[in-house]
């Protein structure tokens, strides 16, 4: 009989890691990122989680070359210390599709030197809407600069979505199309980086796979018209179809992001955990059901991503949602 790890590997072929800024029940925060002492930050405001991670990575530049033995534990706890020193209560955590020895060195680039590095970077300030943020565009610019200057990512292999009037808007359809692009293009040996900076939410679970009764969500620019992107959608269209041999790292700087990719293993950098553990909320039957649904719906992936997503969830009505989004993040 296959082990738990073997079952997971059969359903999630790629190696997926996610760094999130907080637990599912926690909110994230805009921050004055000049206090994090980043090199030439793109503006004063930004996400506290993104700024804390970049501060650690720039402090340990040899992580990029693979010559640094800084471990996942050290990186995440340094992030927590950086946040704590600035007065933030967020607790970073790492979740993964594979069990990781978090005391071994942190890696975010595939070891295959010929592999292509791709990125999808999403920053949503919700300009002109209730709950407008101020730092998400800066997060994307800072991460983009880090990936290109330190890790050798090339702009032609990166999709950037921002509501800044200069890039494609981070609508429901555009976000899902970007995920489809990176899934379809990536092959064994490639590296993928996904960055989301914006509002995150929680809405009532509709298929019974969440113990707390809520799905965690990403909130696109046009959420009032086309709804939120559920964790089930991210699992179905981003995590599950990514090919074997791809290394994908996701940085989710938003509220309620702890399990937004529904991955089976996690490490919480709260000082009380010392190794990665099985996520007690992970539902193997749900993962298998998602795989079956993905196979059925694969034929329609090239058409209307918004309609496809809404086949898997009811459209979230706008009534009351603006108030929810306004309260989900602490805006300083």
C-alpha atoms as a PDB file:
ATOM      1  CA  UNK A   1       0.000   0.000   0.000  1.00  0.00           C
ATOM      2  CA  UNK A   2       1.463   3.423  -0.954  1.00  0.00           C
ATOM      3  CA  UNK A   3       2.706   5.607   1.872  1.00  0.00           C
ATOM      4  CA  UNK A   4       1.294   9.077   2.540  1.00  0.00           C
ATOM      5  CA  UNK A   5       4.341  10.667   0.879  1.00  0.00           C
ATOM      6  CA  UNK A   6       3.971   8.446  -2.191  1.00  0.00           C
ATOM      7  CA  UNK A   7       0.285   9.332  -2.514  1.00  0.00           C
ATOM      8  CA  UNK A   8       1.110  13.032  -2.307  1.00  0.00           C
ATOM      9  CA  UNK A   9       3.875  12.720  -4.920  1.00  0.00           C
ATOM     10  CA  UNK A  10       1.519  10.934  -7.295  1.00  0.00           C
ATOM     11  CA  UNK A  11      -0.977  13.796  -7.051  1.00  0.00           C
ATOM     12  CA  UNK A  12       1.438  16.761  -6.794  1.00  0.00           C
ATOM     13  CA  UNK A  13       4.340  15.867  -9.138  1.00  0.00           C
ATOM     14  CA  UNK A  14       6.428  19.032  -8.601  1.00  0.00           C
ATOM     15  CA  UNK A  15       8.250  20.311  -5.546  1.00  0.00           C
ATOM     16  CA  UNK A  16       6.238  23.250  -4.247  1.00  0.00           C
ATOM     17  CA  UNK A  17       7.201  25.490  -1.329  1.00  0.00           C
ATOM     18  CA  UNK A  18       5.209  28.395   0.029  1.00  0.00           C
ATOM     19  CA  UNK A  19       6.415  31.121   2.379  1.00  0.00           C
ATOM     20  CA  UNK A  20       3.463  32.854   3.982  1.00  0.00           C
ATOM     21  CA  UNK A  21       3.371  35.837   6.249  1.00  0.00           C
ATOM     22  CA  UNK A  22       0.883  34.570   8.780  1.00  0.00           C
ATOM     23  CA  UNK A  23      -1.477  31.842   9.948  1.00  0.00           C
ATOM     24  CA  UNK A  24      -4.904  31.445   8.345  1.00  0.00           C
ATOM     25  CA  UNK A  25      -6.481  33.423  11.179  1.00  0.00           C
ATOM     26  CA  UNK A  26      -3.902  36.231  11.129  1.00  0.00           C
ATOM     27  CA  UNK A  27      -3.872  39.472   9.171  1.00  0.00           C
ATOM     28  CA  UNK A  28      -0.875  40.904   7.359  1.00  0.00           C
ATOM     29  CA  UNK A  29       0.269  44.515   7.290  1.00  0.00           C
ATOM     30  CA  UNK A  30       1.493  47.326   5.124  1.00  0.00           C
ATOM     31  CA  UNK A  31       4.749  48.645   6.520  1.00  0.00           C
ATOM     32  CA  UNK A  32       7.171  51.527   6.208  1.00  0.00           C
ATOM     33  CA  UNK A  33       9.826  49.386   4.541  1.00  0.00           C
ATOM     34  CA  UNK A  34      12.606  51.953   4.906  1.00  0.00           C
ATOM     35  CA  UNK A  35      12.971  50.599   8.455  1.00  0.00           C
ATOM     36  CA  UNK A  36      13.899  47.187   6.988  1.00  0.00           C
ATOM     37  CA  UNK A  37      16.989  48.740   5.357  1.00  0.00           C
ATOM     38  CA  UNK A  38      16.528  47.196   1.906  1.00  0.00           C
ATOM     39  CA  UNK A  39      18.950  48.341  -0.819  1.00  0.00           C
ATOM     40  CA  UNK A  40      17.200  51.133  -2.774  1.00  0.00           C
ATOM     41  CA  UNK A  41      13.630  50.046  -1.998  1.00  0.00           C
ATOM     42  CA  UNK A  42      10.987  50.999  -4.556  1.00  0.00           C
ATOM     43  CA  UNK A  43       9.080  53.407  -2.348  1.00  0.00           C
ATOM     44  CA  UNK A  44       8.465  53.696   1.372  1.00  0.00           C
ATOM     45  CA  UNK A  45       5.490  51.359   1.785  1.00  0.00           C
ATOM     46  CA  UNK A  46       5.395  47.603   1.294  1.00  0.00           C
ATOM     47  CA  UNK A  47       4.261  44.307   2.764  1.00  0.00           C
ATOM     48  CA  UNK A  48       5.902  43.501   6.081  1.00  0.00           C
ATOM     49  CA  UNK A  49       6.405  39.834   5.120  1.00  0.00           C
ATOM     50  CA  UNK A  50       8.054  40.653   1.783  1.00  0.00           C
ATOM     51  CA  UNK A  51      10.302  43.270   3.387  1.00  0.00           C
ATOM     52  CA  UNK A  52      11.310  40.928   6.224  1.00  0.00           C
ATOM     53  CA  UNK A  53      12.239  38.141   3.788  1.00  0.00           C
ATOM     54  CA  UNK A  54      14.207  40.426   1.487  1.00  0.00           C
ATOM     55  CA  UNK A  55      16.083  41.828   4.471  1.00  0.00           C
ATOM     56  CA  UNK A  56      17.238  38.301   5.347  1.00  0.00           C
ATOM     57  CA  UNK A  57      18.104  37.396   1.744  1.00  0.00           C
ATOM     58  CA  UNK A  58      20.127  40.542   1.123  1.00  0.00           C
ATOM     59  CA  UNK A  59      21.917  40.015   4.434  1.00  0.00           C
ATOM     60  CA  UNK A  60      22.912  36.520   3.236  1.00  0.00           C
ATOM     61  CA  UNK A  61      23.684  37.059  -0.485  1.00  0.00           C
ATOM     62  CA  UNK A  62      25.511  33.757  -0.833  1.00  0.00           C
ATOM     63  CA  UNK A  63      22.165  31.949  -0.455  1.00  0.00           C
ATOM     64  CA  UNK A  64      21.698  32.696  -4.158  1.00  0.00           C
ATOM     65  CA  UNK A  65      24.932  30.958  -5.144  1.00  0.00           C
ATOM     66  CA  UNK A  66      24.248  27.847  -3.096  1.00  0.00           C
ATOM     67  CA  UNK A  67      27.424  28.448  -1.098  1.00  0.00           C
ATOM     68  CA  UNK A  68      25.574  29.496   2.027  1.00  0.00           C
ATOM     69  CA  UNK A  69      24.448  26.991   4.651  1.00  0.00           C
ATOM     70  CA  UNK A  70      21.741  29.257   6.057  1.00  0.00           C
ATOM     71  CA  UNK A  71      18.848  26.932   6.791  1.00  0.00           C
ATOM     72  CA  UNK A  72      15.114  27.357   6.328  1.00  0.00           C
ATOM     73  CA  UNK A  73      14.780  27.552  10.110  1.00  0.00           C
ATOM     74  CA  UNK A  74      17.291  30.383  10.302  1.00  0.00           C
ATOM     75  CA  UNK A  75      15.698  32.324   7.448  1.00  0.00           C
ATOM     76  CA  UNK A  76      12.167  32.077   8.815  1.00  0.00           C
ATOM     77  CA  UNK A  77      13.177  32.848  12.378  1.00  0.00           C
ATOM     78  CA  UNK A  78      15.217  35.826  11.201  1.00  0.00           C
ATOM     79  CA  UNK A  79      12.097  36.961   9.380  1.00  0.00           C
ATOM     80  CA  UNK A  80      10.114  36.582  12.596  1.00  0.00           C
ATOM     81  CA  UNK A  81      12.751  38.529  14.540  1.00  0.00           C
ATOM     82  CA  UNK A  82      12.720  41.297  11.919  1.00  0.00           C
ATOM     83  CA  UNK A  83       8.934  41.516  12.127  1.00  0.00           C
ATOM     84  CA  UNK A  84       8.926  41.421  15.917  1.00  0.00           C
ATOM     85  CA  UNK A  85      11.486  44.210  16.129  1.00  0.00           C
ATOM     86  CA  UNK A  86       9.208  46.382  14.002  1.00  0.00           C
ATOM     87  CA  UNK A  87       6.176  45.586  16.172  1.00  0.00           C
ATOM     88  CA  UNK A  88       4.409  43.071  13.921  1.00  0.00           C
ATOM     89  CA  UNK A  89       2.829  39.922  15.371  1.00  0.00           C
ATOM     90  CA  UNK A  90       2.860  37.905  12.144  1.00  0.00           C
ATOM     91  CA  UNK A  91       4.385  34.417  12.349  1.00  0.00           C
ATOM     92  CA  UNK A  92       5.963  33.286   9.041  1.00  0.00           C
ATOM     93  CA  UNK A  93       5.593  29.687   8.018  1.00  0.00           C
ATOM     94  CA  UNK A  94       6.815  27.354   5.299  1.00  0.00           C
ATOM     95  CA  UNK A  95       4.549  24.778   3.706  1.00  0.00           C
ATOM     96  CA  UNK A  96       5.564  22.230   1.113  1.00  0.00           C
ATOM     97  CA  UNK A  97       4.493  19.384  -1.137  1.00  0.00           C
ATOM     98  CA  UNK A  98       7.459  17.356   0.162  1.00  0.00           C
ATOM     99  CA  UNK A  99       8.810  16.877   3.644  1.00  0.00           C
ATOM    100  CA  UNK A 100      11.819  19.189   4.044  1.00  0.00           C
ATOM    101  CA  UNK A 101      14.596  19.020   6.596  1.00  0.00           C
ATOM    102  CA  UNK A 102      14.257  22.656   7.620  1.00  0.00           C
ATOM    103  CA  UNK A 103      17.690  22.539   9.258  1.00  0.00           C
ATOM    104  CA  UNK A 104      19.287  22.099   5.822  1.00  0.00           C
ATOM    105  CA  UNK A 105      20.168  25.088   3.644  1.00  0.00           C
ATOM    106  CA  UNK A 106      17.454  27.131   2.014  1.00  0.00           C
ATOM    107  CA  UNK A 107      17.162  26.734  -1.768  1.00  0.00           C
ATOM    108  CA  UNK A 108      14.804  28.570  -4.120  1.00  0.00           C
ATOM    109  CA  UNK A 109      16.484  27.830  -7.458  1.00  0.00           C
ATOM    110  CA  UNK A 110      16.542  24.420  -9.140  1.00  0.00           C
ATOM    111  CA  UNK A 111      19.974  22.797  -9.184  1.00  0.00           C
ATOM    112  CA  UNK A 112      19.730  22.203 -12.943  1.00  0.00           C
ATOM    113  CA  UNK A 113      21.970  24.976 -14.409  1.00  0.00           C
ATOM    114  CA  UNK A 114      20.234  24.845 -17.793  1.00  0.00           C
ATOM    115  CA  UNK A 115      16.729  25.222 -16.375  1.00  0.00           C
ATOM    116  CA  UNK A 116      14.661  28.301 -17.204  1.00  0.00           C
ATOM    117  CA  UNK A 117      13.587  30.627 -14.390  1.00  0.00           C
ATOM    118  CA  UNK A 118      10.049  31.982 -14.629  1.00  0.00           C
ATOM    119  CA  UNK A 119       8.028  34.217 -12.355  1.00  0.00           C
ATOM    120  CA  UNK A 120       4.499  35.502 -11.904  1.00  0.00           C
ATOM    121  CA  UNK A 121       4.441  38.665  -9.781  1.00  0.00           C
ATOM    122  CA  UNK A 122       1.121  40.093  -8.608  1.00  0.00           C
ATOM    123  CA  UNK A 123       0.717  43.350  -6.701  1.00  0.00           C
ATOM    124  CA  UNK A 124      -2.722  44.831  -6.023  1.00  0.00           C
ATOM    125  CA  UNK A 125      -3.230  48.176  -4.306  1.00  0.00           C
ATOM    126  CA  UNK A 126      -6.981  48.269  -5.143  1.00  0.00           C
ATOM    127  CA  UNK A 127      -6.587  51.849  -6.342  1.00  0.00           C
ATOM    128  CA  UNK A 128      -9.774  53.838  -5.771  1.00  0.00           C
ATOM    129  CA  UNK A 129     -11.521  51.004  -3.914  1.00  0.00           C
ATOM    130  CA  UNK A 130     -12.464  50.680  -0.280  1.00  0.00           C
ATOM    131  CA  UNK A 131      -9.593  48.945   1.517  1.00  0.00           C
ATOM    132  CA  UNK A 132      -6.952  50.496  -0.763  1.00  0.00           C
ATOM    133  CA  UNK A 133      -3.393  49.428   0.043  1.00  0.00           C
ATOM    134  CA  UNK A 134      -0.201  51.374  -0.535  1.00  0.00           C
ATOM    135  CA  UNK A 135       2.735  48.960  -0.716  1.00  0.00           C
ATOM    136  CA  UNK A 136       1.873  46.024  -2.979  1.00  0.00           C
ATOM    137  CA  UNK A 137       3.312  47.572  -6.147  1.00  0.00           C
ATOM    138  CA  UNK A 138       6.540  48.272  -4.284  1.00  0.00           C
ATOM    139  CA  UNK A 139       6.664  44.640  -3.125  1.00  0.00           C
ATOM    140  CA  UNK A 140       6.533  43.452  -6.731  1.00  0.00           C
ATOM    141  CA  UNK A 141       9.208  45.916  -7.841  1.00  0.00           C
ATOM    142  CA  UNK A 142      11.509  44.920  -4.981  1.00  0.00           C
ATOM    143  CA  UNK A 143      11.026  41.181  -5.546  1.00  0.00           C
ATOM    144  CA  UNK A 144      11.465  41.596  -9.315  1.00  0.00           C
ATOM    145  CA  UNK A 145      14.743  43.448  -8.796  1.00  0.00           C
ATOM    146  CA  UNK A 146      15.972  40.786  -6.367  1.00  0.00           C
ATOM    147  CA  UNK A 147      15.101  37.899  -8.696  1.00  0.00           C
ATOM    148  CA  UNK A 148      16.743  39.524 -11.716  1.00  0.00           C
ATOM    149  CA  UNK A 149      19.841  40.965 -10.068  1.00  0.00           C
ATOM    150  CA  UNK A 150      20.593  38.155  -7.630  1.00  0.00           C
ATOM    151  CA  UNK A 151      19.156  35.005  -9.213  1.00  0.00           C
ATOM    152  CA  UNK A 152      19.391  35.809 -12.916  1.00  0.00           C
ATOM    153  CA  UNK A 153      15.694  35.780 -13.794  1.00  0.00           C
ATOM    154  CA  UNK A 154      15.037  37.409 -17.187  1.00  0.00           C
ATOM    155  CA  UNK A 155      12.201  39.859 -17.775  1.00  0.00           C
ATOM    156  CA  UNK A 156      10.943  37.971 -20.849  1.00  0.00           C
ATOM    157  CA  UNK A 157      10.220  34.981 -18.581  1.00  0.00           C
ATOM    158  CA  UNK A 158       8.279  37.028 -16.036  1.00  0.00           C
ATOM    159  CA  UNK A 159       4.637  38.123 -15.976  1.00  0.00           C
ATOM    160  CA  UNK A 160       3.861  41.154 -13.822  1.00  0.00           C
ATOM    161  CA  UNK A 161       0.284  42.118 -12.954  1.00  0.00           C
ATOM    162  CA  UNK A 162      -0.322  45.424 -11.143  1.00  0.00           C
ATOM    163  CA  UNK A 163      -3.127  47.996 -11.029  1.00  0.00           C
ATOM    164  CA  UNK A 164      -0.685  50.831 -11.731  1.00  0.00           C
ATOM    165  CA  UNK A 165      -1.786  51.804 -15.239  1.00  0.00           C
ATOM    166  CA  UNK A 166       1.426  50.447 -16.752  1.00  0.00           C
ATOM    167  CA  UNK A 167       0.936  46.676 -16.475  1.00  0.00           C
ATOM    168  CA  UNK A 168      -1.944  44.318 -17.149  1.00  0.00           C
ATOM    169  CA  UNK A 169      -4.472  44.541 -14.352  1.00  0.00           C
ATOM    170  CA  UNK A 170      -4.494  41.726 -11.754  1.00  0.00           C
ATOM    171  CA  UNK A 171      -8.057  40.655 -12.524  1.00  0.00           C
ATOM    172  CA  UNK A 172      -9.429  37.183 -11.843  1.00  0.00           C
ATOM    173  CA  UNK A 173      -8.985  36.197 -15.496  1.00  0.00           C
ATOM    174  CA  UNK A 174      -5.477  37.641 -15.845  1.00  0.00           C
ATOM    175  CA  UNK A 175      -4.224  35.977 -12.659  1.00  0.00           C
ATOM    176  CA  UNK A 176      -5.578  32.590 -13.715  1.00  0.00           C
ATOM    177  CA  UNK A 177      -4.144  33.016 -17.233  1.00  0.00           C
ATOM    178  CA  UNK A 178      -0.727  33.831 -15.755  1.00  0.00           C
ATOM    179  CA  UNK A 179      -0.868  30.668 -13.654  1.00  0.00           C
ATOM    180  CA  UNK A 180      -1.860  28.662 -16.723  1.00  0.00           C
ATOM    181  CA  UNK A 181       1.091  30.164 -18.653  1.00  0.00           C
ATOM    182  CA  UNK A 182       3.677  29.264 -16.024  1.00  0.00           C
ATOM    183  CA  UNK A 183       2.265  25.736 -15.665  1.00  0.00           C
ATOM    184  CA  UNK A 184       2.207  25.088 -19.411  1.00  0.00           C
ATOM    185  CA  UNK A 185       5.693  26.498 -20.055  1.00  0.00           C
ATOM    186  CA  UNK A 186       7.619  24.951 -17.151  1.00  0.00           C
ATOM    187  CA  UNK A 187       9.524  21.688 -17.549  1.00  0.00           C
ATOM    188  CA  UNK A 188      11.686  19.463 -15.362  1.00  0.00           C
ATOM    189  CA  UNK A 189      14.732  21.390 -14.163  1.00  0.00           C
ATOM    190  CA  UNK A 190      13.001  24.778 -14.328  1.00  0.00           C
ATOM    191  CA  UNK A 191      12.476  27.204 -11.451  1.00  0.00           C
ATOM    192  CA  UNK A 192       9.224  29.045 -10.776  1.00  0.00           C
ATOM    193  CA  UNK A 193       8.650  31.941  -8.397  1.00  0.00           C
ATOM    194  CA  UNK A 194       5.114  33.129  -7.580  1.00  0.00           C
ATOM    195  CA  UNK A 195       4.646  36.322  -5.591  1.00  0.00           C
ATOM    196  CA  UNK A 196       1.287  37.674  -4.463  1.00  0.00           C
ATOM    197  CA  UNK A 197       0.965  40.914  -2.517  1.00  0.00           C
ATOM    198  CA  UNK A 198      -2.571  42.100  -1.879  1.00  0.00           C
ATOM    199  CA  UNK A 199      -5.630  41.306   0.146  1.00  0.00           C
ATOM    200  CA  UNK A 200      -6.356  37.761   1.263  1.00  0.00           C
ATOM    201  CA  UNK A 201      -9.656  36.549   2.587  1.00  0.00           C
ATOM    202  CA  UNK A 202     -11.708  33.723   4.038  1.00  0.00           C
ATOM    203  CA  UNK A 203     -15.068  32.636   2.653  1.00  0.00           C
ATOM    204  CA  UNK A 204     -17.380  29.805   3.557  1.00  0.00           C
ATOM    205  CA  UNK A 205     -16.175  26.408   2.388  1.00  0.00           C
ATOM    206  CA  UNK A 206     -18.509  24.772  -0.116  1.00  0.00           C
ATOM    207  CA  UNK A 207     -17.136  21.249  -0.429  1.00  0.00           C
ATOM    208  CA  UNK A 208     -16.461  20.227   3.177  1.00  0.00           C
ATOM    209  CA  UNK A 209     -12.664  19.967   2.915  1.00  0.00           C
ATOM    210  CA  UNK A 210     -11.868  22.678   5.500  1.00  0.00           C
ATOM    211  CA  UNK A 211     -11.999  21.796   9.209  1.00  0.00           C
ATOM    212  CA  UNK A 212     -12.593  25.428  10.132  1.00  0.00           C
ATOM    213  CA  UNK A 213     -15.399  25.769   7.580  1.00  0.00           C
ATOM    214  CA  UNK A 214     -13.599  28.395   5.488  1.00  0.00           C
ATOM    215  CA  UNK A 215     -11.612  28.500   2.264  1.00  0.00           C
ATOM    216  CA  UNK A 216      -8.634  30.850   2.190  1.00  0.00           C
ATOM    217  CA  UNK A 217      -8.582  33.141  -0.820  1.00  0.00           C
ATOM    218  CA  UNK A 218      -6.659  35.626  -2.935  1.00  0.00           C
ATOM    219  CA  UNK A 219      -8.697  38.725  -3.746  1.00  0.00           C
ATOM    220  CA  UNK A 220      -8.258  39.927  -7.350  1.00  0.00           C
ATOM    221  CA  UNK A 221      -8.830  43.498  -8.449  1.00  0.00           C
ATOM    222  CA  UNK A 222     -12.311  42.731  -9.832  1.00  0.00           C
ATOM    223  CA  UNK A 223     -13.438  40.559  -6.908  1.00  0.00           C
ATOM    224  CA  UNK A 224     -16.794  42.312  -6.622  1.00  0.00           C
ATOM    225  CA  UNK A 225     -17.710  41.214 -10.141  1.00  0.00           C
ATOM    226  CA  UNK A 226     -15.874  37.915 -10.584  1.00  0.00           C
ATOM    227  CA  UNK A 227     -15.309  36.653  -7.055  1.00  0.00           C
ATOM    228  CA  UNK A 228     -12.276  35.536  -5.077  1.00  0.00           C
ATOM    229  CA  UNK A 229      -9.711  32.885  -5.990  1.00  0.00           C
ATOM    230  CA  UNK A 230     -10.160  30.011  -3.558  1.00  0.00           C
ATOM    231  CA  UNK A 231      -7.409  27.772  -2.224  1.00  0.00           C
ATOM    232  CA  UNK A 232      -9.156  24.944  -4.090  1.00  0.00           C
ATOM    233  CA  UNK A 233      -8.621  26.833  -7.371  1.00  0.00           C
ATOM    234  CA  UNK A 234      -4.923  27.378  -6.625  1.00  0.00           C
ATOM    235  CA  UNK A 235      -4.496  23.690  -5.879  1.00  0.00           C
ATOM    236  CA  UNK A 236      -6.381  22.670  -9.006  1.00  0.00           C
ATOM    237  CA  UNK A 237      -4.843  25.038 -11.558  1.00  0.00           C
ATOM    238  CA  UNK A 238      -1.395  25.930 -10.194  1.00  0.00           C
ATOM    239  CA  UNK A 239      -0.120  23.299  -7.759  1.00  0.00           C
ATOM    240  CA  UNK A 240      -1.565  20.052  -9.093  1.00  0.00           C
ATOM    241  CA  UNK A 241      -0.678  20.409 -12.818  1.00  0.00           C
ATOM    242  CA  UNK A 242       2.903  21.681 -12.345  1.00  0.00           C
ATOM    243  CA  UNK A 243       5.241  19.093 -13.891  1.00  0.00           C
ATOM    244  CA  UNK A 244       7.583  16.766 -12.048  1.00  0.00           C
ATOM    245  CA  UNK A 245      11.083  18.177 -11.670  1.00  0.00           C
ATOM    246  CA  UNK A 246       9.952  21.806 -11.408  1.00  0.00           C
ATOM    247  CA  UNK A 247      10.875  23.699  -8.228  1.00  0.00           C
ATOM    248  CA  UNK A 248       8.201  26.283  -7.435  1.00  0.00           C
ATOM    249  CA  UNK A 249       8.480  28.754  -4.553  1.00  0.00           C
ATOM    250  CA  UNK A 250       5.518  30.961  -3.672  1.00  0.00           C
ATOM    251  CA  UNK A 251       5.614  34.041  -1.455  1.00  0.00           C
ATOM    252  CA  UNK A 252       2.127  34.947  -0.268  1.00  0.00           C
ATOM    253  CA  UNK A 253       2.104  38.331   1.471  1.00  0.00           C
ATOM    254  CA  UNK A 254      -1.557  38.595   2.391  1.00  0.00           C
ATOM    255  CA  UNK A 255      -3.972  37.919   5.215  1.00  0.00           C
ATOM    256  CA  UNK A 256      -5.097  34.366   6.021  1.00  0.00           C
ATOM    257  CA  UNK A 257      -2.354  32.878   3.831  1.00  0.00           C
ATOM    258  CA  UNK A 258      -1.142  29.995   6.009  1.00  0.00           C
ATOM    259  CA  UNK A 259      -2.743  27.186   3.981  1.00  0.00           C
ATOM    260  CA  UNK A 260      -3.821  29.034   0.840  1.00  0.00           C
ATOM    261  CA  UNK A 261      -2.098  26.404  -1.361  1.00  0.00           C
ATOM    262  CA  UNK A 262      -3.474  23.444   0.626  1.00  0.00           C
ATOM    263  CA  UNK A 263      -0.052  21.746   0.906  1.00  0.00           C
ATOM    264  CA  UNK A 264       0.488  18.651   3.080  1.00  0.00           C
ATOM    265  CA  UNK A 265       3.501  19.701   5.180  1.00  0.00           C
ATOM    266  CA  UNK A 266       4.343  22.848   7.134  1.00  0.00           C
ATOM    267  CA  UNK A 267       6.813  24.458   9.508  1.00  0.00           C
ATOM    268  CA  UNK A 268       5.801  27.370  11.742  1.00  0.00           C
ATOM    269  CA  UNK A 269       8.554  29.768  12.816  1.00  0.00           C
ATOM    270  CA  UNK A 270       7.074  30.506  16.226  1.00  0.00           C
ATOM    271  CA  UNK A 271      10.012  29.201  18.258  1.00  0.00           C
ATOM    272  CA  UNK A 272       8.042  26.172  19.441  1.00  0.00           C
ATOM    273  CA  UNK A 273       8.488  24.092  16.268  1.00  0.00           C
ATOM    274  CA  UNK A 274      11.796  22.600  15.196  1.00  0.00           C
ATOM    275  CA  UNK A 275      10.923  20.506  12.167  1.00  0.00           C
ATOM    276  CA  UNK A 276       8.426  20.272   9.350  1.00  0.00           C
ATOM    277  CA  UNK A 277       5.330  18.268  10.195  1.00  0.00           C
ATOM    278  CA  UNK A 278       2.314  16.894   8.403  1.00  0.00           C
ATOM    279  CA  UNK A 279      -0.428  19.451   8.139  1.00  0.00           C
ATOM    280  CA  UNK A 280      -3.209  18.011  10.263  1.00  0.00           C
ATOM    281  CA  UNK A 281      -5.794  19.856   8.146  1.00  0.00           C
ATOM    282  CA  UNK A 282      -4.583  18.333   4.872  1.00  0.00           C
ATOM    283  CA  UNK A 283      -7.291  16.247   3.182  1.00  0.00           C
ATOM    284  CA  UNK A 284      -5.911  13.493   0.914  1.00  0.00           C
ATOM    285  CA  UNK A 285      -9.359  12.568  -0.384  1.00  0.00           C
ATOM    286  CA  UNK A 286      -9.908  16.179  -1.374  1.00  0.00           C
ATOM    287  CA  UNK A 287      -6.566  16.227  -3.224  1.00  0.00           C
ATOM    288  CA  UNK A 288      -7.559  13.148  -5.209  1.00  0.00           C
ATOM    289  CA  UNK A 289     -10.969  14.677  -5.953  1.00  0.00           C
ATOM    290  CA  UNK A 290      -9.249  17.842  -7.174  1.00  0.00           C
ATOM    291  CA  UNK A 291      -7.074  15.739  -9.463  1.00  0.00           C
ATOM    292  CA  UNK A 292     -10.121  14.091 -10.997  1.00  0.00           C
ATOM    293  CA  UNK A 293     -11.878  17.413 -11.467  1.00  0.00           C
ATOM    294  CA  UNK A 294      -8.769  18.930 -13.024  1.00  0.00           C
ATOM    295  CA  UNK A 295      -8.651  16.123 -15.576  1.00  0.00           C
ATOM    296  CA  UNK A 296     -12.305  16.655 -16.481  1.00  0.00           C
ATOM    297  CA  UNK A 297     -11.882  20.431 -16.834  1.00  0.00           C
ATOM    298  CA  UNK A 298      -8.478  20.412 -18.576  1.00  0.00           C
ATOM    299  CA  UNK A 299     -10.027  20.626 -22.018  1.00  0.00           C
ATOM    300  CA  UNK A 300     -11.543  24.007 -21.194  1.00  0.00           C
ATOM    301  CA  UNK A 301      -8.355  25.606 -19.835  1.00  0.00           C
ATOM    302  CA  UNK A 302      -7.599  27.408 -23.064  1.00  0.00           C
ATOM    303  CA  UNK A 303     -10.906  29.252 -23.193  1.00  0.00           C
ATOM    304  CA  UNK A 304     -12.414  31.407 -20.471  1.00  0.00           C
ATOM    305  CA  UNK A 305     -10.466  31.158 -17.237  1.00  0.00           C
ATOM    306  CA  UNK A 306     -13.031  33.229 -15.344  1.00  0.00           C
ATOM    307  CA  UNK A 307     -15.891  30.954 -16.373  1.00  0.00           C
ATOM    308  CA  UNK A 308     -13.789  27.894 -15.589  1.00  0.00           C
ATOM    309  CA  UNK A 309     -13.032  29.161 -12.111  1.00  0.00           C
ATOM    310  CA  UNK A 310     -16.662  29.890 -11.488  1.00  0.00           C
ATOM    311  CA  UNK A 311     -17.532  26.314 -12.420  1.00  0.00           C
ATOM    312  CA  UNK A 312     -15.584  25.290  -9.314  1.00  0.00           C
ATOM    313  CA  UNK A 313     -17.073  27.938  -7.018  1.00  0.00           C
ATOM    314  CA  UNK A 314     -20.150  30.112  -6.752  1.00  0.00           C
ATOM    315  CA  UNK A 315     -19.562  33.724  -7.630  1.00  0.00           C
ATOM    316  CA  UNK A 316     -19.115  35.745  -4.441  1.00  0.00           C
ATOM    317  CA  UNK A 317     -21.745  38.474  -4.335  1.00  0.00           C
ATOM    318  CA  UNK A 318     -20.527  41.994  -3.764  1.00  0.00           C
ATOM    319  CA  UNK A 319     -22.879  42.699  -0.868  1.00  0.00           C
ATOM    320  CA  UNK A 320     -20.815  43.136   2.269  1.00  0.00           C
ATOM    321  CA  UNK A 321     -17.564  42.089   0.615  1.00  0.00           C
ATOM    322  CA  UNK A 322     -16.075  45.561   0.440  1.00  0.00           C
ATOM    323  CA  UNK A 323     -16.442  45.862   4.187  1.00  0.00           C
ATOM    324  CA  UNK A 324     -14.760  42.471   4.635  1.00  0.00           C
ATOM    325  CA  UNK A 325     -11.800  43.413   2.459  1.00  0.00           C
ATOM    326  CA  UNK A 326     -11.416  46.732   4.268  1.00  0.00           C
ATOM    327  CA  UNK A 327     -10.970  44.933   7.572  1.00  0.00           C
ATOM    328  CA  UNK A 328      -8.765  42.032   6.479  1.00  0.00           C
ATOM    329  CA  UNK A 329      -5.447  43.912   6.546  1.00  0.00           C
ATOM    330  CA  UNK A 330      -3.912  46.291   9.016  1.00  0.00           C
ATOM    331  CA  UNK A 331      -3.066  49.442   7.081  1.00  0.00           C
ATOM    332  CA  UNK A 332      -0.475  51.644   8.743  1.00  0.00           C
END
